[in-house]
N, C-alpha and C. Protein backbone atom coordinates (compact mmCIF):
# COMPACT_ATOMS: atom_id res chain seq x y z
N MET A 1 -100.71 13.74 10.88
CA MET A 1 -100.43 13.77 11.79
C MET A 1 -100.98 12.14 12.12
N GLY A 2 -100.66 11.79 13.46
CA GLY A 2 -101.11 10.14 13.66
C GLY A 2 -102.07 10.04 13.74
N GLU A 3 -102.66 9.12 14.06
CA GLU A 3 -103.89 9.14 15.38
C GLU A 3 -104.49 10.10 16.06
N SER A 4 -103.16 10.41 17.47
CA SER A 4 -103.17 10.78 18.31
C SER A 4 -103.57 12.60 18.04
N GLY A 5 -103.23 13.00 17.11
CA GLY A 5 -103.16 13.75 16.38
C GLY A 5 -101.36 14.63 16.64
N CYS A 6 -100.87 14.16 17.57
CA CYS A 6 -99.18 14.55 17.76
C CYS A 6 -98.20 13.32 17.36
N CYS A 7 -97.17 13.25 17.28
CA CYS A 7 -95.96 12.38 17.61
C CYS A 7 -96.06 11.66 15.73
N ALA A 8 -96.33 12.39 14.97
CA ALA A 8 -96.32 12.42 13.47
C ALA A 8 -95.04 11.39 12.88
N LEU A 9 -94.23 11.23 13.71
CA LEU A 9 -92.98 10.75 12.99
C LEU A 9 -93.19 8.65 13.24
N SER A 10 -93.57 8.99 14.98
CA SER A 10 -93.77 7.56 15.46
C SER A 10 -95.18 6.69 15.55
N GLY A 11 -95.66 7.58 14.93
CA GLY A 11 -97.17 7.44 15.01
C GLY A 11 -97.98 6.37 16.17
N LYS A 12 -97.54 6.86 17.74
CA LYS A 12 -97.27 6.42 18.78
C LYS A 12 -97.93 7.50 19.89
N LEU A 13 -98.68 7.16 20.78
CA LEU A 13 -98.71 8.37 21.89
C LEU A 13 -97.81 8.64 22.87
N PRO A 14 -97.15 9.70 22.61
CA PRO A 14 -96.39 10.52 23.54
C PRO A 14 -96.60 10.29 25.09
N VAL A 15 -95.57 8.92 25.64
CA VAL A 15 -95.72 9.03 27.14
C VAL A 15 -95.46 10.30 28.14
N THR A 16 -96.58 10.38 29.02
CA THR A 16 -96.37 11.49 30.00
C THR A 16 -96.63 10.42 31.66
N SER A 17 -95.62 12.12 32.65
CA SER A 17 -95.58 11.14 33.51
C SER A 17 -96.49 12.70 34.45
N THR A 18 -96.09 12.81 35.08
CA THR A 18 -97.00 13.47 36.22
C THR A 18 -95.60 12.86 37.64
N VAL A 19 -95.34 14.35 38.32
CA VAL A 19 -94.31 14.47 38.97
C VAL A 19 -94.76 15.17 40.12
N LYS A 20 -95.14 14.70 41.13
CA LYS A 20 -95.58 15.71 42.27
C LYS A 20 -94.09 15.91 42.96
N VAL A 21 -94.17 17.51 42.67
CA VAL A 21 -93.33 18.08 43.50
C VAL A 21 -93.31 18.80 45.11
N THR A 22 -92.65 18.45 46.23
CA THR A 22 -93.47 19.08 47.70
C THR A 22 -92.64 20.09 47.91
N SER A 23 -92.87 21.04 49.24
CA SER A 23 -91.58 21.68 49.56
C SER A 23 -90.44 21.81 49.90
N THR A 24 -90.59 19.91 50.50
CA THR A 24 -88.94 19.39 50.91
C THR A 24 -88.39 19.04 49.91
N ASP A 25 -88.67 19.22 48.50
CA ASP A 25 -87.67 18.39 47.50
C ASP A 25 -87.11 19.91 47.23
N VAL A 26 -88.16 20.92 47.05
CA VAL A 26 -87.45 22.06 46.73
C VAL A 26 -86.52 22.90 47.81
N ALA A 27 -86.67 22.65 49.03
CA ALA A 27 -85.78 22.76 49.89
C ALA A 27 -84.69 22.05 49.96
N SER A 28 -84.66 20.48 49.71
CA SER A 28 -83.46 20.02 50.07
C SER A 28 -83.02 20.19 48.73
N THR A 29 -82.64 20.89 47.44
CA THR A 29 -82.15 21.17 46.01
C THR A 29 -81.33 22.04 46.16
N PRO A 30 -79.97 21.91 46.05
CA PRO A 30 -79.07 23.19 46.22
C PRO A 30 -79.13 23.86 44.82
N PRO A 31 -79.30 25.23 45.20
CA PRO A 31 -79.42 26.54 44.10
C PRO A 31 -78.50 25.96 43.51
N LEU A 32 -78.71 26.66 42.39
CA LEU A 32 -77.59 26.79 41.48
C LEU A 32 -76.32 27.60 41.54
N ARG A 33 -75.48 27.30 41.59
CA ARG A 33 -74.44 28.06 42.04
C ARG A 33 -73.58 29.32 41.01
N ILE A 34 -72.99 29.60 40.37
CA ILE A 34 -72.31 30.22 39.52
C ILE A 34 -71.70 31.10 40.31
N ASN A 35 -69.94 31.12 39.94
CA ASN A 35 -68.63 31.58 41.02
C ASN A 35 -68.83 32.78 40.12
N MET A 36 -69.37 34.04 41.12
CA MET A 36 -69.38 35.02 41.47
C MET A 36 -67.60 35.71 41.65
N ARG A 37 -67.69 36.77 40.94
CA ARG A 37 -66.63 37.59 41.29
C ARG A 37 -67.18 39.28 41.74
N ALA A 38 -66.48 39.74 43.16
CA ALA A 38 -67.06 40.98 43.38
C ALA A 38 -65.33 41.77 42.91
N LEU A 39 -66.09 43.12 42.27
CA LEU A 39 -65.20 44.02 42.00
C LEU A 39 -65.59 45.11 42.64
N ILE A 40 -64.62 45.33 43.75
CA ILE A 40 -64.57 46.14 44.95
C ILE A 40 -63.72 47.30 44.34
N ASP A 41 -64.22 48.50 44.54
CA ASP A 41 -63.46 49.84 44.43
C ASP A 41 -63.01 50.30 46.12
N GLY A 42 -61.58 49.60 45.69
CA GLY A 42 -61.30 50.28 46.90
C GLY A 42 -60.72 51.31 47.63
N ASP A 43 -60.85 52.61 46.45
CA ASP A 43 -60.85 54.01 47.46
C ASP A 43 -62.02 53.70 48.30
N ILE A 44 -63.22 53.57 48.05
CA ILE A 44 -64.49 53.80 48.96
C ILE A 44 -63.86 52.74 50.19
N VAL A 45 -63.32 51.84 50.04
CA VAL A 45 -63.14 51.17 51.53
C VAL A 45 -61.82 51.59 52.44
N VAL A 46 -61.38 52.06 51.36
CA VAL A 46 -60.31 52.99 52.25
C VAL A 46 -60.47 54.15 52.63
N TYR A 47 -61.41 54.94 52.35
CA TYR A 47 -61.73 56.23 53.06
C TYR A 47 -62.83 56.23 53.64
N ARG A 48 -63.69 55.10 53.78
CA ARG A 48 -64.22 54.78 55.05
C ARG A 48 -64.11 54.55 56.08
N ALA A 49 -62.96 53.32 56.04
CA ALA A 49 -62.32 53.23 56.98
C ALA A 49 -61.25 53.67 57.79
N ALA A 50 -60.81 54.65 56.86
CA ALA A 50 -59.75 55.14 58.02
C ALA A 50 -60.37 56.63 58.04
N ALA A 51 -61.35 57.10 57.83
CA ALA A 51 -62.12 58.39 58.50
C ALA A 51 -63.16 57.67 59.40
N SER A 52 -63.72 56.54 59.48
CA SER A 52 -64.41 55.85 60.66
C SER A 52 -63.49 55.90 62.21
N ALA A 53 -62.17 55.50 61.73
CA ALA A 53 -61.54 55.64 62.70
C ALA A 53 -60.48 56.58 63.14
N LYS A 54 -60.81 57.81 62.75
CA LYS A 54 -60.10 59.34 63.45
C LYS A 54 -60.01 59.25 65.11
N GLY A 55 -58.70 59.16 65.44
CA GLY A 55 -58.16 59.40 66.62
C GLY A 55 -58.22 58.19 67.25
N GLU A 56 -58.20 56.58 66.52
CA GLU A 56 -58.16 55.35 66.51
C GLU A 56 -56.65 55.20 66.60
N GLU A 57 -56.27 53.65 66.66
CA GLU A 57 -54.99 53.18 66.38
C GLU A 57 -55.16 52.41 65.09
N GLN A 58 -54.29 52.67 64.41
CA GLN A 58 -54.12 51.96 62.74
C GLN A 58 -54.78 51.16 62.94
N TRP A 59 -54.72 49.70 63.58
CA TRP A 59 -55.03 48.38 63.13
C TRP A 59 -56.88 48.58 63.61
N ILE A 60 -57.11 49.66 63.87
CA ILE A 60 -58.73 49.28 64.04
C ILE A 60 -59.44 50.03 62.50
N ALA A 61 -58.40 50.46 61.80
CA ALA A 61 -58.85 50.94 60.42
C ALA A 61 -58.91 50.04 59.63
N GLN A 62 -57.65 49.40 60.17
CA GLN A 62 -57.23 48.31 59.07
C GLN A 62 -58.16 47.31 58.86
N ALA A 63 -58.78 46.56 60.05
CA ALA A 63 -60.04 45.56 60.93
C ALA A 63 -61.15 46.20 60.00
N ARG A 64 -61.77 47.50 59.90
CA ARG A 64 -62.57 48.49 59.62
C ARG A 64 -63.03 47.60 58.06
N ALA A 65 -61.66 48.17 57.46
CA ALA A 65 -61.41 47.67 56.02
C ALA A 65 -61.26 46.44 55.56
N ASP A 66 -60.96 45.63 56.44
CA ASP A 66 -61.20 44.28 56.03
C ASP A 66 -62.63 43.97 56.70
N GLN A 67 -63.17 43.88 57.48
CA GLN A 67 -64.77 43.86 57.65
C GLN A 67 -66.12 44.24 56.92
N MET A 68 -65.36 45.69 55.82
CA MET A 68 -66.13 45.95 54.50
C MET A 68 -66.07 44.59 53.61
N ILE A 69 -65.08 44.79 53.88
CA ILE A 69 -64.71 43.29 51.85
C ILE A 69 -65.50 42.20 52.37
N GLN A 70 -65.34 42.01 53.87
CA GLN A 70 -66.07 40.53 53.95
C GLN A 70 -67.33 40.77 54.33
N ASP A 71 -67.91 41.64 54.40
CA ASP A 71 -69.39 41.96 54.18
C ASP A 71 -70.12 42.14 52.71
N ILE A 72 -69.33 43.05 52.57
CA ILE A 72 -69.49 42.76 50.46
C ILE A 72 -69.91 41.75 49.95
N LEU A 73 -68.40 41.53 50.47
CA LEU A 73 -68.89 39.09 50.15
C LEU A 73 -70.41 38.26 49.96
N ALA A 74 -70.08 38.91 51.52
CA ALA A 74 -71.57 38.03 51.99
C ALA A 74 -72.82 38.58 51.59
N ASP A 75 -72.68 39.84 51.13
CA ASP A 75 -73.81 40.67 51.11
C ASP A 75 -73.99 40.10 49.62
N THR A 76 -73.15 39.72 48.80
CA THR A 76 -73.26 39.82 47.09
C THR A 76 -73.48 37.97 46.92
N GLY A 77 -72.63 37.42 47.68
CA GLY A 77 -72.63 36.10 47.67
C GLY A 77 -71.05 35.75 46.56
N ALA A 78 -70.26 36.52 46.84
CA ALA A 78 -69.50 36.26 45.67
C ALA A 78 -68.30 35.60 46.52
N THR A 79 -68.12 34.68 45.37
CA THR A 79 -66.64 33.36 45.89
C THR A 79 -65.40 34.04 45.37
N THR A 80 -65.16 35.01 44.81
CA THR A 80 -63.76 35.60 44.89
C THR A 80 -63.86 36.95 44.59
N TYR A 81 -62.76 37.81 44.89
CA TYR A 81 -62.96 39.07 44.69
C TYR A 81 -61.54 40.13 44.03
N ASN A 82 -61.88 41.28 43.70
CA ASN A 82 -60.53 41.99 43.04
C ASN A 82 -60.90 43.20 43.78
N VAL A 83 -60.03 43.76 44.30
CA VAL A 83 -59.65 44.90 44.87
C VAL A 83 -58.70 46.51 44.00
N TYR A 84 -59.73 47.06 43.78
CA TYR A 84 -58.62 47.82 42.51
C TYR A 84 -58.55 49.32 43.52
N LEU A 85 -57.33 50.08 43.19
CA LEU A 85 -57.36 51.45 43.52
C LEU A 85 -56.65 52.31 42.78
N THR A 86 -57.19 53.38 43.25
CA THR A 86 -56.73 54.49 42.43
C THR A 86 -55.42 54.44 42.26
N GLY A 87 -54.93 55.23 40.63
CA GLY A 87 -53.51 55.15 40.89
C GLY A 87 -52.70 56.64 40.62
N SER A 88 -51.64 56.45 40.22
CA SER A 88 -51.57 58.19 39.83
C SER A 88 -51.60 58.71 38.70
N ASN A 89 -51.08 59.71 38.27
CA ASN A 89 -51.14 59.81 36.94
C ASN A 89 -52.62 60.08 36.31
N ASN A 90 -53.86 60.48 36.65
CA ASN A 90 -54.88 60.33 36.60
C ASN A 90 -55.29 60.83 35.01
N PHE A 91 -55.58 60.13 33.77
CA PHE A 91 -55.62 60.87 32.58
C PHE A 91 -56.62 62.16 32.60
N ARG A 92 -57.28 62.24 33.64
CA ARG A 92 -58.57 63.57 33.14
C ARG A 92 -58.04 64.34 33.87
N ARG A 93 -57.06 64.50 34.63
CA ARG A 93 -56.41 65.94 35.32
C ARG A 93 -55.31 66.54 33.76
N GLU A 94 -55.00 65.53 32.95
CA GLU A 94 -54.46 66.16 32.07
C GLU A 94 -55.41 66.81 30.85
N ILE A 95 -56.29 66.13 30.67
CA ILE A 95 -57.54 66.69 29.80
C ILE A 95 -58.14 67.71 30.79
N ALA A 96 -58.61 67.97 32.30
CA ALA A 96 -59.31 69.53 32.77
C ALA A 96 -58.55 69.19 33.90
N PRO A 97 -57.46 70.00 34.40
CA PRO A 97 -56.94 70.22 35.65
C PRO A 97 -57.64 70.45 36.40
N SER A 98 -59.55 70.98 36.35
CA SER A 98 -59.56 71.64 37.14
C SER A 98 -60.42 70.29 37.56
N TYR A 99 -60.25 68.63 37.57
CA TYR A 99 -60.95 67.58 37.83
C TYR A 99 -60.65 67.37 39.38
N LYS A 100 -61.95 67.53 39.89
CA LYS A 100 -61.80 67.12 41.80
C LYS A 100 -61.40 68.06 42.35
N ALA A 101 -60.84 69.53 41.64
CA ALA A 101 -59.83 70.10 42.28
C ALA A 101 -60.78 70.54 43.36
N ASN A 102 -61.89 70.98 43.69
CA ASN A 102 -62.97 71.32 44.94
C ASN A 102 -62.72 70.86 45.98
N ARG A 103 -62.12 69.36 45.66
CA ARG A 103 -62.32 68.76 46.90
C ARG A 103 -61.04 68.85 47.99
N PRO A 104 -60.36 68.81 49.14
CA PRO A 104 -59.93 69.25 50.12
C PRO A 104 -58.91 68.34 49.73
N ASP A 105 -57.23 69.22 49.98
CA ASP A 105 -56.48 67.86 49.92
C ASP A 105 -55.77 66.69 50.92
N ASP A 106 -56.89 67.00 52.06
CA ASP A 106 -56.23 66.53 53.77
C ASP A 106 -56.96 65.02 53.64
N ARG A 107 -56.34 63.85 53.77
CA ARG A 107 -56.68 62.61 53.50
C ARG A 107 -57.08 62.09 55.17
N PRO A 108 -57.73 60.88 55.74
CA PRO A 108 -58.27 60.80 57.14
C PRO A 108 -56.93 60.75 57.08
N GLU A 109 -56.52 60.22 58.81
CA GLU A 109 -55.90 59.77 59.62
C GLU A 109 -54.68 58.87 59.01
N HIS A 110 -55.57 57.64 58.27
CA HIS A 110 -55.06 56.11 58.54
C HIS A 110 -55.30 55.66 57.13
N TRP A 111 -55.31 57.19 56.03
CA TRP A 111 -55.23 56.85 54.65
C TRP A 111 -54.40 55.84 53.84
N LEU A 112 -52.64 56.19 54.68
CA LEU A 112 -51.96 55.61 53.39
C LEU A 112 -51.84 53.90 54.36
N ALA A 113 -51.86 53.66 55.43
CA ALA A 113 -52.10 52.58 56.13
C ALA A 113 -53.19 51.51 55.47
N VAL A 114 -54.27 52.00 55.60
CA VAL A 114 -55.58 51.27 54.82
C VAL A 114 -55.37 50.85 53.28
N ARG A 115 -54.77 51.98 52.57
CA ARG A 115 -54.25 51.48 51.30
C ARG A 115 -53.34 50.47 51.28
N GLU A 116 -52.24 50.77 52.06
CA GLU A 116 -51.19 49.61 52.01
C GLU A 116 -51.83 48.34 52.43
N PHE A 117 -52.43 48.37 53.07
CA PHE A 117 -52.87 47.10 53.94
C PHE A 117 -53.48 46.14 52.53
N LEU A 118 -54.72 46.94 52.36
CA LEU A 118 -55.46 46.22 50.96
C LEU A 118 -54.81 46.02 49.96
N VAL A 119 -53.47 46.65 49.64
CA VAL A 119 -52.57 45.87 48.77
C VAL A 119 -51.88 44.90 49.48
N THR A 120 -51.59 45.24 49.80
CA THR A 120 -50.00 43.45 50.55
C THR A 120 -51.43 42.25 51.44
N GLN A 121 -52.51 42.84 51.94
CA GLN A 121 -53.31 41.57 52.78
C GLN A 121 -54.81 41.14 51.75
N HIS A 122 -55.20 42.08 50.66
CA HIS A 122 -56.50 41.74 50.00
C HIS A 122 -55.76 42.03 48.42
N LYS A 123 -54.61 41.80 47.98
CA LYS A 123 -54.00 41.92 46.65
C LYS A 123 -54.46 42.94 45.76
N ALA A 124 -54.85 43.90 46.18
CA ALA A 124 -55.81 45.42 45.65
C ALA A 124 -54.34 45.41 44.50
N GLN A 125 -55.26 45.95 43.44
CA GLN A 125 -54.34 46.28 42.25
C GLN A 125 -55.02 47.73 42.07
N ILE A 126 -53.32 48.76 41.90
CA ILE A 126 -53.25 49.91 41.59
C ILE A 126 -53.63 49.76 39.89
N CYS A 127 -54.36 51.12 39.82
CA CYS A 127 -55.18 51.49 38.38
C CYS A 127 -53.93 52.95 38.37
N ASP A 128 -53.00 53.04 37.54
CA ASP A 128 -52.06 53.86 37.58
C ASP A 128 -52.76 54.82 35.84
N GLY A 129 -52.84 55.97 36.18
CA GLY A 129 -53.04 56.58 35.02
C GLY A 129 -55.05 56.25 34.79
N TYR A 130 -55.67 55.77 35.84
CA TYR A 130 -57.19 56.40 35.44
C TYR A 130 -57.56 55.91 37.41
N GLU A 131 -58.65 55.94 37.32
CA GLU A 131 -59.48 55.73 38.64
C GLU A 131 -59.91 53.93 38.82
N ALA A 132 -60.17 54.21 40.26
CA ALA A 132 -60.28 52.62 40.28
C ALA A 132 -62.08 51.79 39.67
N ASP A 133 -63.03 53.22 39.99
CA ASP A 133 -63.98 52.98 39.30
C ASP A 133 -64.09 52.85 37.45
N ASP A 134 -62.97 53.59 37.07
CA ASP A 134 -62.64 52.58 35.49
C ASP A 134 -62.68 51.43 35.53
N GLU A 135 -61.31 50.82 36.09
CA GLU A 135 -61.19 49.36 36.19
C GLU A 135 -62.60 48.19 36.45
N LEU A 136 -63.02 48.84 37.26
CA LEU A 136 -64.50 48.23 37.92
C LEU A 136 -65.37 47.92 36.21
N GLY A 137 -65.25 49.23 36.19
CA GLY A 137 -66.37 49.21 34.58
C GLY A 137 -65.65 48.54 33.24
N ILE A 138 -64.34 48.79 33.17
CA ILE A 138 -63.76 47.34 32.17
C ILE A 138 -63.82 46.09 32.63
N GLN A 139 -63.82 45.32 33.83
CA GLN A 139 -63.97 44.44 34.41
C GLN A 139 -65.07 43.82 33.97
N GLN A 140 -66.09 44.73 34.17
CA GLN A 140 -67.56 44.21 34.13
C GLN A 140 -67.81 44.14 32.55
N ASP A 141 -67.82 45.21 31.79
CA ASP A 141 -67.94 44.54 30.06
C ASP A 141 -67.10 43.71 29.55
N LYS A 142 -66.16 42.81 30.39
CA LYS A 142 -65.77 41.87 29.85
C LYS A 142 -66.19 40.11 30.74
N GLU A 143 -66.56 40.76 32.16
CA GLU A 143 -67.54 39.40 31.88
C GLU A 143 -68.78 39.77 33.11
N THR A 144 -69.98 40.36 32.26
CA THR A 144 -71.46 40.55 33.01
C THR A 144 -71.90 39.62 33.63
N LEU A 145 -71.65 38.51 32.96
CA LEU A 145 -72.80 37.40 34.17
C LEU A 145 -71.83 36.92 35.02
N THR A 146 -70.92 37.17 35.03
CA THR A 146 -69.93 36.75 36.58
C THR A 146 -69.68 37.26 37.15
N THR A 147 -69.81 38.68 37.59
CA THR A 147 -69.38 39.62 38.10
C THR A 147 -70.53 40.52 38.99
N VAL A 148 -70.50 41.37 40.46
CA VAL A 148 -70.89 41.86 41.05
C VAL A 148 -70.17 43.02 41.64
């Protein structure tokens, strides 16, 4: 090692400097922003929005669904999102016909209208053969650092 005990290759003392960081410096520095994509289980949005608008006009249920999506984006800080809806032909029913058999068949009054609203206005993707939450898991597995 050199005379200083470090920088053996150059034989010179290292150049050091002290930087004073103030709270205003930290506050004025924009946070590192990673573009996050929210993965939204549209089945939950549809059911909650439709059930909350029982006896109300259809547009109220749709507005509530829209607000739920906006709240999810605000709460997560996501810059983009995808909505997924369960399609038909769920493979689990083929394996076990009793799958979710204890659930009532009746759906809230505006269930279909809210579902169609999510498809047309929020580009919801239908997951035929499996459930929306399955697709969330698949997408999360693909992009673990950029999805919420």
